[in-house]
Each structure stands twice: as structure tokens, then as C-alpha cells.
Amino acid sequence: TKDNVFVTCRVAVQQSVRPENAYDAMYKLANVHEQIESYVSDVVRSSVPHMTLDESFEKKDDISEAVQKKLETEMTTYGFQIHK
């Protein structure tokens, strides 16, 4: 964080395969969970360091929305739907 505090963020993601894109979901990615984890880490690492510890707690919904938007944008390509 901006005030030099180390933070561990736990993030849960719920996803499902879009039936019309089942082929893409099964064959375009080798490891879905690692790809999702990578996108989540990118968003969290790009936003939390610019906040203080208190701000990171206050803005957890903003971080969650940013993660969801990123995942929806990226994972649609691979046939996945992201749920809140």
C-alpha cells in the first residue's frame, strides 16, 4: 500500500462456460484458473499500491468491480461468463 503496509488479498471468482462457446472454453486455454488468477493479480497489483491501508478497505467494492470488468472483457474471448 501507499503507507508501506503489506496486504494479502483473497479473491473469489465464479465463472461458467457459455454453452454456445463450449469449444473455445475447452480448447483455447490450457489452464483457466491460472489465467484468471493472472488477470486478478494484475488488477489488484495495479490498484492497491496507490491506496493507503484504510483506503483499500474502503474501496474494496471498487477493486471488485475493476476485477470483474477485466475478467468479463478478457474471459469472454475464451467462452467464459464471470458471475459476481
N, C-alpha and C. Protein backbone atom coordinates (compact mmCIF):
# COMPACT_ATOMS: atom_id res chain seq x y z
N THR A 1 0.84 -1.19 0.00
CA THR A 1 0.00 0.00 0.00
C THR A 1 0.87 1.24 0.00
N LYS A 2 0.24 2.37 -0.17
CA LYS A 2 0.97 3.64 -0.21
C LYS A 2 1.66 3.94 1.11
N ASP A 3 1.12 3.41 2.20
CA ASP A 3 1.72 3.66 3.52
C ASP A 3 2.63 2.50 3.95
N ASN A 4 3.18 1.77 2.96
CA ASN A 4 4.18 0.70 3.17
C ASN A 4 3.71 -0.42 4.08
N VAL A 5 2.48 -0.85 3.90
CA VAL A 5 1.93 -1.98 4.63
C VAL A 5 1.73 -3.12 3.63
N PHE A 6 2.16 -4.32 4.00
CA PHE A 6 1.94 -5.47 3.14
C PHE A 6 0.52 -5.99 3.37
N VAL A 7 -0.16 -6.30 2.28
CA VAL A 7 -1.54 -6.75 2.35
C VAL A 7 -1.69 -8.03 1.56
N THR A 8 -2.43 -8.97 2.10
CA THR A 8 -2.79 -10.18 1.37
C THR A 8 -4.26 -10.08 1.03
N CYS A 9 -4.56 -10.15 -0.25
CA CYS A 9 -5.95 -10.03 -0.71
C CYS A 9 -6.47 -11.39 -1.14
N ARG A 10 -7.60 -11.76 -0.60
CA ARG A 10 -8.25 -13.00 -1.01
C ARG A 10 -9.36 -12.64 -1.99
N VAL A 11 -9.34 -13.29 -3.13
CA VAL A 11 -10.32 -13.00 -4.17
C VAL A 11 -10.96 -14.32 -4.60
N ALA A 12 -12.28 -14.31 -4.66
CA ALA A 12 -13.02 -15.48 -5.14
C ALA A 12 -13.69 -15.10 -6.46
N VAL A 13 -13.56 -15.97 -7.44
CA VAL A 13 -14.15 -15.72 -8.75
C VAL A 13 -15.04 -16.90 -9.11
N GLN A 14 -16.25 -16.58 -9.52
CA GLN A 14 -17.18 -17.60 -10.01
C GLN A 14 -17.33 -17.43 -11.51
N GLN A 15 -17.10 -18.51 -12.23
CA GLN A 15 -17.21 -18.45 -13.68
C GLN A 15 -17.97 -19.67 -14.17
N SER A 16 -18.51 -19.54 -15.36
CA SER A 16 -19.16 -20.67 -16.00
C SER A 16 -18.89 -20.59 -17.50
N VAL A 17 -19.06 -21.72 -18.14
CA VAL A 17 -18.85 -21.79 -19.58
C VAL A 17 -20.15 -21.38 -20.26
N ARG A 18 -20.02 -20.49 -21.25
CA ARG A 18 -21.19 -20.14 -22.07
C ARG A 18 -21.45 -21.33 -23.00
N PRO A 19 -22.66 -21.88 -22.96
CA PRO A 19 -22.93 -23.08 -23.77
C PRO A 19 -22.60 -22.91 -25.25
N GLU A 20 -22.84 -21.72 -25.79
CA GLU A 20 -22.57 -21.51 -27.21
C GLU A 20 -21.08 -21.41 -27.52
N ASN A 21 -20.25 -21.27 -26.49
CA ASN A 21 -18.80 -21.16 -26.68
C ASN A 21 -18.04 -22.29 -25.96
N ALA A 22 -18.66 -23.43 -25.83
CA ALA A 22 -18.05 -24.54 -25.09
C ALA A 22 -16.72 -24.97 -25.72
N TYR A 23 -16.65 -24.99 -27.04
CA TYR A 23 -15.42 -25.39 -27.72
C TYR A 23 -14.27 -24.45 -27.34
N ASP A 24 -14.52 -23.14 -27.40
CA ASP A 24 -13.50 -22.17 -27.04
C ASP A 24 -13.05 -22.34 -25.59
N ALA A 25 -14.01 -22.57 -24.71
CA ALA A 25 -13.71 -22.70 -23.29
C ALA A 25 -12.82 -23.92 -23.01
N MET A 26 -13.01 -24.97 -23.78
CA MET A 26 -12.26 -26.19 -23.54
C MET A 26 -10.89 -26.21 -24.22
N TYR A 27 -10.76 -25.53 -25.36
CA TYR A 27 -9.54 -25.70 -26.16
C TYR A 27 -8.68 -24.45 -26.34
N LYS A 28 -9.17 -23.28 -25.99
CA LYS A 28 -8.36 -22.07 -26.19
C LYS A 28 -7.37 -21.80 -25.06
N LEU A 29 -7.66 -22.28 -23.88
CA LEU A 29 -6.77 -22.07 -22.74
C LEU A 29 -6.31 -23.41 -22.17
N ALA A 30 -5.04 -23.47 -21.80
CA ALA A 30 -4.51 -24.69 -21.20
C ALA A 30 -4.91 -24.79 -19.72
N ASN A 31 -4.91 -23.64 -19.02
CA ASN A 31 -5.25 -23.64 -17.60
C ASN A 31 -6.07 -22.39 -17.27
N VAL A 32 -7.36 -22.57 -17.20
CA VAL A 32 -8.29 -21.46 -16.98
C VAL A 32 -8.02 -20.77 -15.65
N HIS A 33 -7.81 -21.55 -14.60
CA HIS A 33 -7.64 -20.98 -13.27
C HIS A 33 -6.38 -20.11 -13.17
N GLU A 34 -5.31 -20.54 -13.79
CA GLU A 34 -4.09 -19.73 -13.78
C GLU A 34 -4.27 -18.44 -14.56
N GLN A 35 -5.01 -18.49 -15.67
CA GLN A 35 -5.24 -17.28 -16.46
C GLN A 35 -6.09 -16.29 -15.68
N ILE A 36 -7.14 -16.77 -15.02
CA ILE A 36 -7.98 -15.90 -14.20
C ILE A 36 -7.16 -15.30 -13.07
N GLU A 37 -6.37 -16.12 -12.42
CA GLU A 37 -5.52 -15.64 -11.32
C GLU A 37 -4.57 -14.55 -11.81
N SER A 38 -4.04 -14.71 -13.01
CA SER A 38 -3.14 -13.71 -13.57
C SER A 38 -3.85 -12.38 -13.80
N TYR A 39 -5.06 -12.42 -14.36
CA TYR A 39 -5.82 -11.18 -14.58
C TYR A 39 -6.18 -10.52 -13.26
N VAL A 40 -6.60 -11.30 -12.29
CA VAL A 40 -6.96 -10.74 -10.97
C VAL A 40 -5.73 -10.09 -10.33
N SER A 41 -4.61 -10.77 -10.37
CA SER A 41 -3.38 -10.22 -9.79
C SER A 41 -2.99 -8.91 -10.45
N ASP A 42 -3.13 -8.83 -11.77
CA ASP A 42 -2.81 -7.59 -12.48
C ASP A 42 -3.64 -6.42 -11.98
N VAL A 43 -4.94 -6.65 -11.83
CA VAL A 43 -5.83 -5.57 -11.38
C VAL A 43 -5.52 -5.17 -9.95
N VAL A 44 -5.36 -6.14 -9.07
CA VAL A 44 -5.10 -5.84 -7.66
C VAL A 44 -3.76 -5.14 -7.50
N ARG A 45 -2.73 -5.65 -8.19
CA ARG A 45 -1.41 -5.03 -8.08
C ARG A 45 -1.35 -3.64 -8.69
N SER A 46 -2.23 -3.35 -9.63
CA SER A 46 -2.20 -2.02 -10.22
C SER A 46 -3.03 -1.01 -9.43
N SER A 47 -3.91 -1.46 -8.56
CA SER A 47 -4.75 -0.51 -7.83
C SER A 47 -4.36 -0.36 -6.36
N VAL A 48 -4.08 -1.42 -5.66
CA VAL A 48 -3.83 -1.35 -4.21
C VAL A 48 -2.58 -0.54 -3.85
N PRO A 49 -1.48 -0.62 -4.58
CA PRO A 49 -0.31 0.17 -4.19
C PRO A 49 -0.51 1.68 -4.18
N HIS A 50 -1.56 2.15 -4.85
CA HIS A 50 -1.83 3.59 -4.89
C HIS A 50 -2.77 4.03 -3.77
N MET A 51 -3.10 3.11 -2.87
CA MET A 51 -4.02 3.41 -1.78
C MET A 51 -3.34 3.18 -0.44
N THR A 52 -3.85 3.85 0.57
CA THR A 52 -3.42 3.54 1.94
C THR A 52 -4.17 2.29 2.37
N LEU A 53 -3.79 1.75 3.51
CA LEU A 53 -4.46 0.55 4.01
C LEU A 53 -5.95 0.82 4.23
N ASP A 54 -6.26 1.96 4.84
CA ASP A 54 -7.66 2.30 5.08
C ASP A 54 -8.43 2.47 3.77
N GLU A 55 -7.82 3.10 2.80
CA GLU A 55 -8.48 3.29 1.51
C GLU A 55 -8.74 1.96 0.82
N SER A 56 -7.81 1.02 0.97
CA SER A 56 -8.01 -0.28 0.32
C SER A 56 -9.22 -1.01 0.91
N PHE A 57 -9.46 -0.85 2.20
CA PHE A 57 -10.66 -1.43 2.79
C PHE A 57 -11.91 -0.67 2.35
N GLU A 58 -11.82 0.64 2.31
CA GLU A 58 -12.96 1.45 1.91
C GLU A 58 -13.35 1.22 0.44
N LYS A 59 -12.36 0.96 -0.39
CA LYS A 59 -12.61 0.85 -1.83
C LYS A 59 -12.61 -0.59 -2.32
N LYS A 60 -12.87 -1.54 -1.43
CA LYS A 60 -12.84 -2.94 -1.85
C LYS A 60 -13.89 -3.24 -2.91
N ASP A 61 -15.03 -2.53 -2.86
CA ASP A 61 -16.05 -2.73 -3.90
C ASP A 61 -15.57 -2.20 -5.25
N ASP A 62 -14.82 -1.10 -5.24
CA ASP A 62 -14.26 -0.56 -6.48
C ASP A 62 -13.25 -1.54 -7.08
N ILE A 63 -12.44 -2.13 -6.23
CA ILE A 63 -11.46 -3.11 -6.70
C ILE A 63 -12.19 -4.32 -7.27
N SER A 64 -13.23 -4.76 -6.58
CA SER A 64 -14.02 -5.89 -7.04
C SER A 64 -14.64 -5.63 -8.41
N GLU A 65 -15.17 -4.44 -8.59
CA GLU A 65 -15.77 -4.08 -9.89
C GLU A 65 -14.71 -4.03 -10.99
N ALA A 66 -13.54 -3.52 -10.66
CA ALA A 66 -12.45 -3.47 -11.65
C ALA A 66 -12.02 -4.88 -12.06
N VAL A 67 -11.94 -5.77 -11.08
CA VAL A 67 -11.59 -7.16 -11.37
C VAL A 67 -12.66 -7.79 -12.26
N GLN A 68 -13.92 -7.58 -11.90
CA GLN A 68 -15.00 -8.17 -12.68
C GLN A 68 -15.00 -7.65 -14.11
N LYS A 69 -14.81 -6.35 -14.30
CA LYS A 69 -14.79 -5.78 -15.65
C LYS A 69 -13.66 -6.37 -16.48
N LYS A 70 -12.48 -6.47 -15.87
CA LYS A 70 -11.33 -7.03 -16.57
C LYS A 70 -11.58 -8.48 -16.96
N LEU A 71 -12.11 -9.27 -16.02
CA LEU A 71 -12.36 -10.67 -16.32
C LEU A 71 -13.45 -10.84 -17.37
N GLU A 72 -14.50 -10.05 -17.28
CA GLU A 72 -15.56 -10.16 -18.28
C GLU A 72 -15.02 -9.85 -19.67
N THR A 73 -14.21 -8.81 -19.76
CA THR A 73 -13.63 -8.42 -21.05
C THR A 73 -12.73 -9.52 -21.61
N GLU A 74 -11.84 -10.02 -20.78
CA GLU A 74 -10.83 -10.97 -21.25
C GLU A 74 -11.36 -12.39 -21.41
N MET A 75 -12.19 -12.84 -20.48
CA MET A 75 -12.61 -14.25 -20.49
C MET A 75 -13.75 -14.54 -21.46
N THR A 76 -14.44 -13.51 -21.93
CA THR A 76 -15.47 -13.72 -22.95
C THR A 76 -14.86 -14.30 -24.21
N THR A 77 -13.65 -13.89 -24.50
CA THR A 77 -12.92 -14.40 -25.66
C THR A 77 -12.75 -15.92 -25.60
N TYR A 78 -12.63 -16.44 -24.38
CA TYR A 78 -12.39 -17.86 -24.19
C TYR A 78 -13.68 -18.63 -23.87
N GLY A 79 -14.82 -17.98 -23.98
CA GLY A 79 -16.09 -18.68 -23.80
C GLY A 79 -16.58 -18.76 -22.37
N PHE A 80 -16.08 -17.89 -21.50
CA PHE A 80 -16.49 -17.92 -20.10
C PHE A 80 -17.32 -16.71 -19.73
N GLN A 81 -18.22 -16.93 -18.80
CA GLN A 81 -19.04 -15.87 -18.22
C GLN A 81 -18.60 -15.72 -16.77
N ILE A 82 -18.42 -14.49 -16.33
CA ILE A 82 -18.00 -14.20 -14.96
C ILE A 82 -19.22 -13.76 -14.17
N HIS A 83 -19.40 -14.37 -13.00
CA HIS A 83 -20.52 -14.03 -12.12
C HIS A 83 -20.03 -13.22 -10.94
N LYS A 84 -20.86 -12.38 -10.40
CA LYS A 84 -20.47 -11.56 -9.25
C LYS A 84 -20.34 -12.41 -8.02
